[in-house]
C-alpha atoms as a PDB file:
ATOM      1  CA  MET A   1      19.170 -15.597  21.618  1.00  0.00           C
ATOM      2  CA  PHE A   2      18.669 -17.412  18.296  1.00  0.00           C
ATOM      3  CA  GLY A   3      14.967 -17.890  19.015  1.00  0.00           C
ATOM      4  CA  LEU A   4      14.492 -14.169  19.626  1.00  0.00           C
ATOM      5  CA  ALA A   5      16.250 -13.243  16.394  1.00  0.00           C
ATOM      6  CA  PHE A   6      14.272 -15.843  14.445  1.00  0.00           C
ATOM      7  CA  GLY A   7      11.010 -14.582  15.963  1.00  0.00           C
ATOM      8  CA  LEU A   8      11.848 -10.993  15.094  1.00  0.00           C
ATOM      9  CA  ILE A   9      12.742 -11.899  11.508  1.00  0.00           C
ATOM     10  CA  PHE A  10       9.548 -13.940  11.189  1.00  0.00           C
ATOM     11  CA  PHE A  11       7.410 -11.080  12.555  1.00  0.00           C
ATOM     12  CA  LEU A  12       9.045  -8.501  10.273  1.00  0.00           C
ATOM     13  CA  SER A  13       8.586 -10.808   7.279  1.00  0.00           C
ATOM     14  CA  LEU A  14       4.872 -11.169   8.024  1.00  0.00           C
ATOM     15  CA  LEU A  15       4.554  -7.411   8.472  1.00  0.00           C
ATOM     16  CA  PHE A  16       6.321  -6.794   5.148  1.00  0.00           C
ATOM     17  CA  LEU A  17       4.044  -9.283   3.355  1.00  0.00           C
ATOM     18  CA  ALA A  18       0.930  -7.679   4.856  1.00  0.00           C
ATOM     19  CA  ILE A  19       2.040  -4.217   3.726  1.00  0.00           C
ATOM     20  CA  LEU A  20       2.886  -5.522   0.265  1.00  0.00           C
ATOM     21  CA  ALA A  21      -0.498  -7.250  -0.039  1.00  0.00           C
ATOM     22  CA  PHE A  22      -2.273  -4.028   0.988  1.00  0.00           C
ATOM     23  CA  GLU A  23      -0.306  -2.024  -1.587  1.00  0.00           C
ATOM     24  CA  VAL A  24      -1.116  -4.499  -4.370  1.00  0.00           C
ATOM     25  CA  TRP A  25      -4.789  -4.501  -3.337  1.00  0.00           C
ATOM     26  CA  MET A  26      -4.980  -0.686  -3.519  1.00  0.00           C
ATOM     27  CA  PHE A  27      -3.028  -0.592  -6.796  1.00  0.00           C
ATOM     28  CA  VAL A  28      -5.393  -3.073  -8.456  1.00  0.00           C
ATOM     29  CA  ASP A  29      -8.395  -1.194  -7.085  1.00  0.00           C
ATOM     30  CA  ALA A  30      -7.069   2.079  -8.510  1.00  0.00           C
ATOM     31  CA  VAL A  31      -6.580   0.500 -11.934  1.00  0.00           C
ATOM     32  CA  ARG A  32     -10.061  -1.071 -11.955  1.00  0.00           C
ATOM     33  CA  ASN A  33     -11.954   1.868 -10.418  1.00  0.00           C
ATOM     34  CA  PRO A  34     -14.458   3.046 -13.052  1.00  0.00           C
ATOM     35  CA  LYS A  35     -15.080   6.358 -11.262  1.00  0.00           C
ATOM     36  CA  LEU A  36     -11.498   7.554 -11.767  1.00  0.00           C
ATOM     37  CA  THR A  37     -10.377   9.221 -14.980  1.00  0.00           C
ATOM     38  CA  ASP A  38      -7.318   7.930 -16.798  1.00  0.00           C
ATOM     39  CA  ASN A  39      -5.226  10.823 -15.464  1.00  0.00           C
ATOM     40  CA  GLU A  40      -6.351  10.154 -11.882  1.00  0.00           C
ATOM     41  CA  LYS A  41      -5.519   6.465 -12.273  1.00  0.00           C
ATOM     42  CA  LEU A  42      -2.073   7.367 -13.592  1.00  0.00           C
ATOM     43  CA  ILE A  43      -1.381   9.746 -10.705  1.00  0.00           C
ATOM     44  CA  TRP A  44      -2.541   7.280  -8.044  1.00  0.00           C
ATOM     45  CA  CYS A  45      -0.621   4.377  -9.583  1.00  0.00           C
ATOM     46  CA  LEU A  46       2.606   6.337 -10.016  1.00  0.00           C
ATOM     47  CA  GLY A  47       2.259   7.564  -6.451  1.00  0.00           C
ATOM     48  CA  MET A  48       1.840   4.018  -5.205  1.00  0.00           C
ATOM     49  CA  ILE A  49       4.885   2.893  -7.166  1.00  0.00           C
ATOM     50  CA  PHE A  50       7.173   5.670  -5.926  1.00  0.00           C
ATOM     51  CA  VAL A  51       5.859   6.493  -2.425  1.00  0.00           C
ATOM     52  CA  HIS A  52       4.672   2.961  -1.565  1.00  0.00           C
ATOM     53  CA  PRO A  53       2.542   2.500   1.554  1.00  0.00           C
ATOM     54  CA  VAL A  54       1.907   6.166   2.269  1.00  0.00           C
ATOM     55  CA  ILE A  55      -0.023   6.760  -0.952  1.00  0.00           C
ATOM     56  CA  ALA A  56      -1.782   3.390  -0.644  1.00  0.00           C
ATOM     57  CA  ILE A  57      -3.065   4.416   2.796  1.00  0.00           C
ATOM     58  CA  VAL A  58      -4.121   7.848   1.495  1.00  0.00           C
ATOM     59  CA  TYR A  59      -5.912   6.196  -1.445  1.00  0.00           C
ATOM     60  CA  TYR A  60      -7.671   3.819   0.948  1.00  0.00           C
ATOM     61  CA  PHE A  61      -9.128   6.645   3.047  1.00  0.00           C
ATOM     62  CA  ILE A  62      -9.833   9.161   0.269  1.00  0.00           C
ATOM     63  CA  VAL A  63     -11.092   6.972  -2.585  1.00  0.00           C
ATOM     64  CA  TYR A  64     -11.711   3.359  -1.510  1.00  0.00           C
ATOM     65  CA  LEU A  65     -13.767   4.021   1.635  1.00  0.00           C
ATOM     66  CA  LYS A  66     -15.948   6.640  -0.063  1.00  0.00           C
ATOM     67  CA  ARG A  67     -16.718   4.261  -2.923  1.00  0.00           C
ATOM     68  CA  THR A  68     -17.578   1.307  -0.697  1.00  0.00           C
ATOM     69  CA  GLN A  69     -19.893   3.218   1.639  1.00  0.00           C
END
């Protein structure tokens, strides 16, 4: 039983770290994106701070993918 609990905690910790890394990556990209105006940067960054992964995922599909293609 201990091994199962440890494995679950380990998996959830890795998942949390992956989500956090993705959020930081999108936040830094939003700050450094030269195509965004200052107001757009502010809106995206505040959204990422308060709504966390949802806005980071939306930013990824709406802004990041279009810029990298």
